[in-house]
Amino acid sequence: MGLNYLAKILHPDLFSGLDPEAIHQEYIIGFQILDCDPTNHGVFVRSEE
């Protein structure tokens, strides 16, 4: 997850089609088998946008 967020933060124009939150959500549901939305539960990445 970290590389997805880092790529988006460091090069937002280059990775404009990358959605780290959607990838994170897919990981949480598919591999952790949790019903959790990473955008509403916890602080995983804090960007200065």
PDB file of N, CA and C in Angstrom:
ATOM      1  N   MET A   1       0.809  -1.175   0.000  1.00  0.00           N
ATOM      2  CA  MET A   1       0.000   0.000   0.000  1.00  0.00           C
ATOM      3  C   MET A   1       0.862   1.253   0.000  1.00  0.00           C
ATOM      4  N   GLY A   2       1.936   1.217   0.731  1.00  0.00           N
ATOM      5  CA  GLY A   2       2.771   2.398   0.881  1.00  0.00           C
ATOM      6  C   GLY A   2       3.325   2.924  -0.434  1.00  0.00           C
ATOM      7  N   LEU A   3       3.736   2.034  -1.310  1.00  0.00           N
ATOM      8  CA  LEU A   3       4.287   2.473  -2.591  1.00  0.00           C
ATOM      9  C   LEU A   3       3.239   3.153  -3.462  1.00  0.00           C
ATOM     10  N   ASN A   4       2.009   2.674  -3.394  1.00  0.00           N
ATOM     11  CA  ASN A   4       0.929   3.313  -4.158  1.00  0.00           C
ATOM     12  C   ASN A   4       0.691   4.736  -3.680  1.00  0.00           C
ATOM     13  N   TYR A   5       0.608   4.905  -2.367  1.00  0.00           N
ATOM     14  CA  TYR A   5       0.401   6.245  -1.811  1.00  0.00           C
ATOM     15  C   TYR A   5       1.598   7.145  -2.102  1.00  0.00           C
ATOM     16  N   LEU A   6       2.798   6.616  -1.943  1.00  0.00           N
ATOM     17  CA  LEU A   6       4.009   7.404  -2.163  1.00  0.00           C
ATOM     18  C   LEU A   6       4.123   7.854  -3.619  1.00  0.00           C
ATOM     19  N   ALA A   7       3.841   6.953  -4.547  1.00  0.00           N
ATOM     20  CA  ALA A   7       3.890   7.303  -5.972  1.00  0.00           C
ATOM     21  C   ALA A   7       2.900   8.422  -6.281  1.00  0.00           C
ATOM     22  N   LYS A   8       1.709   8.336  -5.732  1.00  0.00           N
ATOM     23  CA  LYS A   8       0.684   9.349  -5.974  1.00  0.00           C
ATOM     24  C   LYS A   8       1.074  10.695  -5.358  1.00  0.00           C
ATOM     25  N   ILE A   9       1.700  10.677  -4.194  1.00  0.00           N
ATOM     26  CA  ILE A   9       2.101  11.920  -3.532  1.00  0.00           C
ATOM     27  C   ILE A   9       3.281  12.572  -4.248  1.00  0.00           C
ATOM     28  N   LEU A  10       4.275  11.777  -4.628  1.00  0.00           N
ATOM     29  CA  LEU A  10       5.482  12.338  -5.230  1.00  0.00           C
ATOM     30  C   LEU A  10       5.306  12.730  -6.690  1.00  0.00           C
ATOM     31  N   HIS A  11       4.487  11.982  -7.425  1.00  0.00           N
ATOM     32  CA  HIS A  11       4.299  12.241  -8.858  1.00  0.00           C
ATOM     33  C   HIS A  11       2.815  12.175  -9.220  1.00  0.00           C
ATOM     34  N   PRO A  12       2.019  13.129  -8.748  1.00  0.00           N
ATOM     35  CA  PRO A  12       0.571  13.059  -9.000  1.00  0.00           C
ATOM     36  C   PRO A  12       0.202  13.133 -10.484  1.00  0.00           C
ATOM     37  N   ASP A  13       0.982  13.862 -11.279  1.00  0.00           N
ATOM     38  CA  ASP A  13       0.666  13.948 -12.711  1.00  0.00           C
ATOM     39  C   ASP A  13       0.976  12.645 -13.434  1.00  0.00           C
ATOM     40  N   LEU A  14       2.063  12.027 -13.071  1.00  0.00           N
ATOM     41  CA  LEU A  14       2.474  10.775 -13.702  1.00  0.00           C
ATOM     42  C   LEU A  14       1.529   9.625 -13.340  1.00  0.00           C
ATOM     43  N   PHE A  15       1.022   9.633 -12.122  1.00  0.00           N
ATOM     44  CA  PHE A  15       0.143   8.566 -11.648  1.00  0.00           C
ATOM     45  C   PHE A  15      -1.286   9.082 -11.455  1.00  0.00           C
ATOM     46  N   SER A  16      -1.767   9.861 -12.387  1.00  0.00           N
ATOM     47  CA  SER A  16      -3.102  10.453 -12.264  1.00  0.00           C
ATOM     48  C   SER A  16      -4.204   9.394 -12.261  1.00  0.00           C
ATOM     49  N   GLY A  17      -3.978   8.282 -12.914  1.00  0.00           N
ATOM     50  CA  GLY A  17      -4.978   7.215 -12.957  1.00  0.00           C
ATOM     51  C   GLY A  17      -4.912   6.253 -11.793  1.00  0.00           C
ATOM     52  N   LEU A  18      -3.939   6.408 -10.941  1.00  0.00           N
ATOM     53  CA  LEU A  18      -3.759   5.523  -9.788  1.00  0.00           C
ATOM     54  C   LEU A  18      -4.652   5.978  -8.648  1.00  0.00           C
ATOM     55  N   ASP A  19      -5.383   5.057  -8.066  1.00  0.00           N
ATOM     56  CA  ASP A  19      -6.256   5.361  -6.929  1.00  0.00           C
ATOM     57  C   ASP A  19      -5.837   4.491  -5.745  1.00  0.00           C
ATOM     58  N   PRO A  20      -4.899   4.978  -4.925  1.00  0.00           N
ATOM     59  CA  PRO A  20      -4.408   4.171  -3.811  1.00  0.00           C
ATOM     60  C   PRO A  20      -5.498   3.793  -2.812  1.00  0.00           C
ATOM     61  N   GLU A  21      -6.490   4.668  -2.610  1.00  0.00           N
ATOM     62  CA  GLU A  21      -7.559   4.349  -1.665  1.00  0.00           C
ATOM     63  C   GLU A  21      -8.399   3.174  -2.160  1.00  0.00           C
ATOM     64  N   ALA A  22      -8.655   3.094  -3.464  1.00  0.00           N
ATOM     65  CA  ALA A  22      -9.421   1.977  -4.019  1.00  0.00           C
ATOM     66  C   ALA A  22      -8.625   0.675  -3.912  1.00  0.00           C
ATOM     67  N   ILE A  23      -7.329   0.744  -4.148  1.00  0.00           N
ATOM     68  CA  ILE A  23      -6.482  -0.443  -4.019  1.00  0.00           C
ATOM     69  C   ILE A  23      -6.439  -0.891  -2.564  1.00  0.00           C
ATOM     70  N   HIS A  24      -6.348   0.063  -1.647  1.00  0.00           N
ATOM     71  CA  HIS A  24      -6.342  -0.243  -0.218  1.00  0.00           C
ATOM     72  C   HIS A  24      -7.664  -0.892   0.189  1.00  0.00           C
ATOM     73  N   GLN A  25      -8.773  -0.340  -0.297  1.00  0.00           N
ATOM     74  CA  GLN A  25     -10.090  -0.903   0.002  1.00  0.00           C
ATOM     75  C   GLN A  25     -10.197  -2.337  -0.510  1.00  0.00           C
ATOM     76  N   GLU A  26      -9.718  -2.575  -1.723  1.00  0.00           N
ATOM     77  CA  GLU A  26      -9.755  -3.921  -2.297  1.00  0.00           C
ATOM     78  C   GLU A  26      -8.931  -4.893  -1.459  1.00  0.00           C
ATOM     79  N   TYR A  27      -7.781  -4.453  -0.977  1.00  0.00           N
ATOM     80  CA  TYR A  27      -6.937  -5.287  -0.121  1.00  0.00           C
ATOM     81  C   TYR A  27      -7.644  -5.620   1.192  1.00  0.00           C
ATOM     82  N   ILE A  28      -8.253  -4.621   1.806  1.00  0.00           N
ATOM     83  CA  ILE A  28      -8.926  -4.841   3.092  1.00  0.00           C
ATOM     84  C   ILE A  28     -10.084  -5.827   2.944  1.00  0.00           C
ATOM     85  N   ILE A  29     -10.873  -5.671   1.904  1.00  0.00           N
ATOM     86  CA  ILE A  29     -12.019  -6.560   1.699  1.00  0.00           C
ATOM     87  C   ILE A  29     -11.575  -7.938   1.226  1.00  0.00           C
ATOM     88  N   GLY A  30     -10.675  -7.987   0.248  1.00  0.00           N
ATOM     89  CA  GLY A  30     -10.293  -9.259  -0.373  1.00  0.00           C
ATOM     90  C   GLY A  30      -9.357 -10.120   0.436  1.00  0.00           C
ATOM     91  N   PHE A  31      -8.404  -9.499   1.130  1.00  0.00           N
ATOM     92  CA  PHE A  31      -7.392 -10.285   1.821  1.00  0.00           C
ATOM     93  C   PHE A  31      -7.544 -10.288   3.337  1.00  0.00           C
ATOM     94  N   GLN A  32      -8.048  -9.198   3.894  1.00  0.00           N
ATOM     95  CA  GLN A  32      -8.240  -9.134   5.339  1.00  0.00           C
ATOM     96  C   GLN A  32      -9.651  -9.555   5.746  1.00  0.00           C
ATOM     97  N   ILE A  33     -10.552  -9.627   4.770  1.00  0.00           N
ATOM     98  CA  ILE A  33     -11.953  -9.998   4.962  1.00  0.00           C
ATOM     99  C   ILE A  33     -12.577  -9.144   6.059  1.00  0.00           C
ATOM    100  N   LEU A  34     -12.410  -7.841   5.916  1.00  0.00           N
ATOM    101  CA  LEU A  34     -12.986  -6.868   6.835  1.00  0.00           C
ATOM    102  C   LEU A  34     -13.931  -5.958   6.068  1.00  0.00           C
ATOM    103  N   ASP A  35     -14.921  -5.454   6.744  1.00  0.00           N
ATOM    104  CA  ASP A  35     -15.823  -4.479   6.139  1.00  0.00           C
ATOM    105  C   ASP A  35     -15.454  -3.114   6.706  1.00  0.00           C
ATOM    106  N   CYS A  36     -14.473  -2.487   6.085  1.00  0.00           N
ATOM    107  CA  CYS A  36     -13.927  -1.236   6.585  1.00  0.00           C
ATOM    108  C   CYS A  36     -13.580  -0.345   5.405  1.00  0.00           C
ATOM    109  N   ASP A  37     -13.819   0.939   5.561  1.00  0.00           N
ATOM    110  CA  ASP A  37     -13.481   1.910   4.533  1.00  0.00           C
ATOM    111  C   ASP A  37     -12.251   2.681   5.000  1.00  0.00           C
ATOM    112  N   PRO A  38     -11.103   2.532   4.327  1.00  0.00           N
ATOM    113  CA  PRO A  38      -9.878   3.193   4.793  1.00  0.00           C
ATOM    114  C   PRO A  38      -9.943   4.715   4.739  1.00  0.00           C
ATOM    115  N   THR A  39     -10.869   5.270   3.974  1.00  0.00           N
ATOM    116  CA  THR A  39     -10.972   6.734   3.931  1.00  0.00           C
ATOM    117  C   THR A  39     -11.686   7.288   5.154  1.00  0.00           C
ATOM    118  N   ASN A  40     -12.471   6.458   5.845  1.00  0.00           N
ATOM    119  CA  ASN A  40     -13.234   6.917   7.002  1.00  0.00           C
ATOM    120  C   ASN A  40     -12.750   6.358   8.331  1.00  0.00           C
ATOM    121  N   HIS A  41     -11.909   5.340   8.310  1.00  0.00           N
ATOM    122  CA  HIS A  41     -11.456   4.702   9.539  1.00  0.00           C
ATOM    123  C   HIS A  41      -9.934   4.724   9.614  1.00  0.00           C
ATOM    124  N   GLY A  42      -9.400   5.592  10.424  1.00  0.00           N
ATOM    125  CA  GLY A  42      -7.959   5.641  10.599  1.00  0.00           C
ATOM    126  C   GLY A  42      -7.291   6.631   9.665  1.00  0.00           C
ATOM    127  N   VAL A  43      -6.079   6.962   9.995  1.00  0.00           N
ATOM    128  CA  VAL A  43      -5.275   7.841   9.159  1.00  0.00           C
ATOM    129  C   VAL A  43      -4.095   7.016   8.647  1.00  0.00           C
ATOM    130  N   PHE A  44      -4.118   6.699   7.376  1.00  0.00           N
ATOM    131  CA  PHE A  44      -3.060   5.898   6.792  1.00  0.00           C
ATOM    132  C   PHE A  44      -2.016   6.770   6.117  1.00  0.00           C
ATOM    133  N   VAL A  45      -2.471   7.850   5.489  1.00  0.00           N
ATOM    134  CA  VAL A  45      -1.582   8.772   4.812  1.00  0.00           C
ATOM    135  C   VAL A  45      -2.124  10.180   5.033  1.00  0.00           C
ATOM    136  N   ARG A  46      -1.238  11.086   5.364  1.00  0.00           N
ATOM    137  CA  ARG A  46      -1.646  12.486   5.514  1.00  0.00           C
ATOM    138  C   ARG A  46      -0.882  13.296   4.481  1.00  0.00           C
ATOM    139  N   SER A  47      -1.591  13.774   3.478  1.00  0.00           N
ATOM    140  CA  SER A  47      -0.952  14.587   2.452  1.00  0.00           C
ATOM    141  C   SER A  47      -1.366  16.038   2.639  1.00  0.00           C
ATOM    142  N   GLU A  48      -0.564  16.920   2.124  1.00  0.00           N
ATOM    143  CA  GLU A  48      -0.804  18.359   2.265  1.00  0.00           C
ATOM    144  C   GLU A  48      -1.518  18.902   1.043  1.00  0.00           C
ATOM    145  N   GLU A  49      -2.583  18.278   0.605  1.00  0.00           N
ATOM    146  CA  GLU A  49      -3.327  18.726  -0.574  1.00  0.00           C
ATOM    147  C   GLU A  49      -4.290  19.813  -0.223  1.00  0.00           C
TER     148      GLU A  49
END
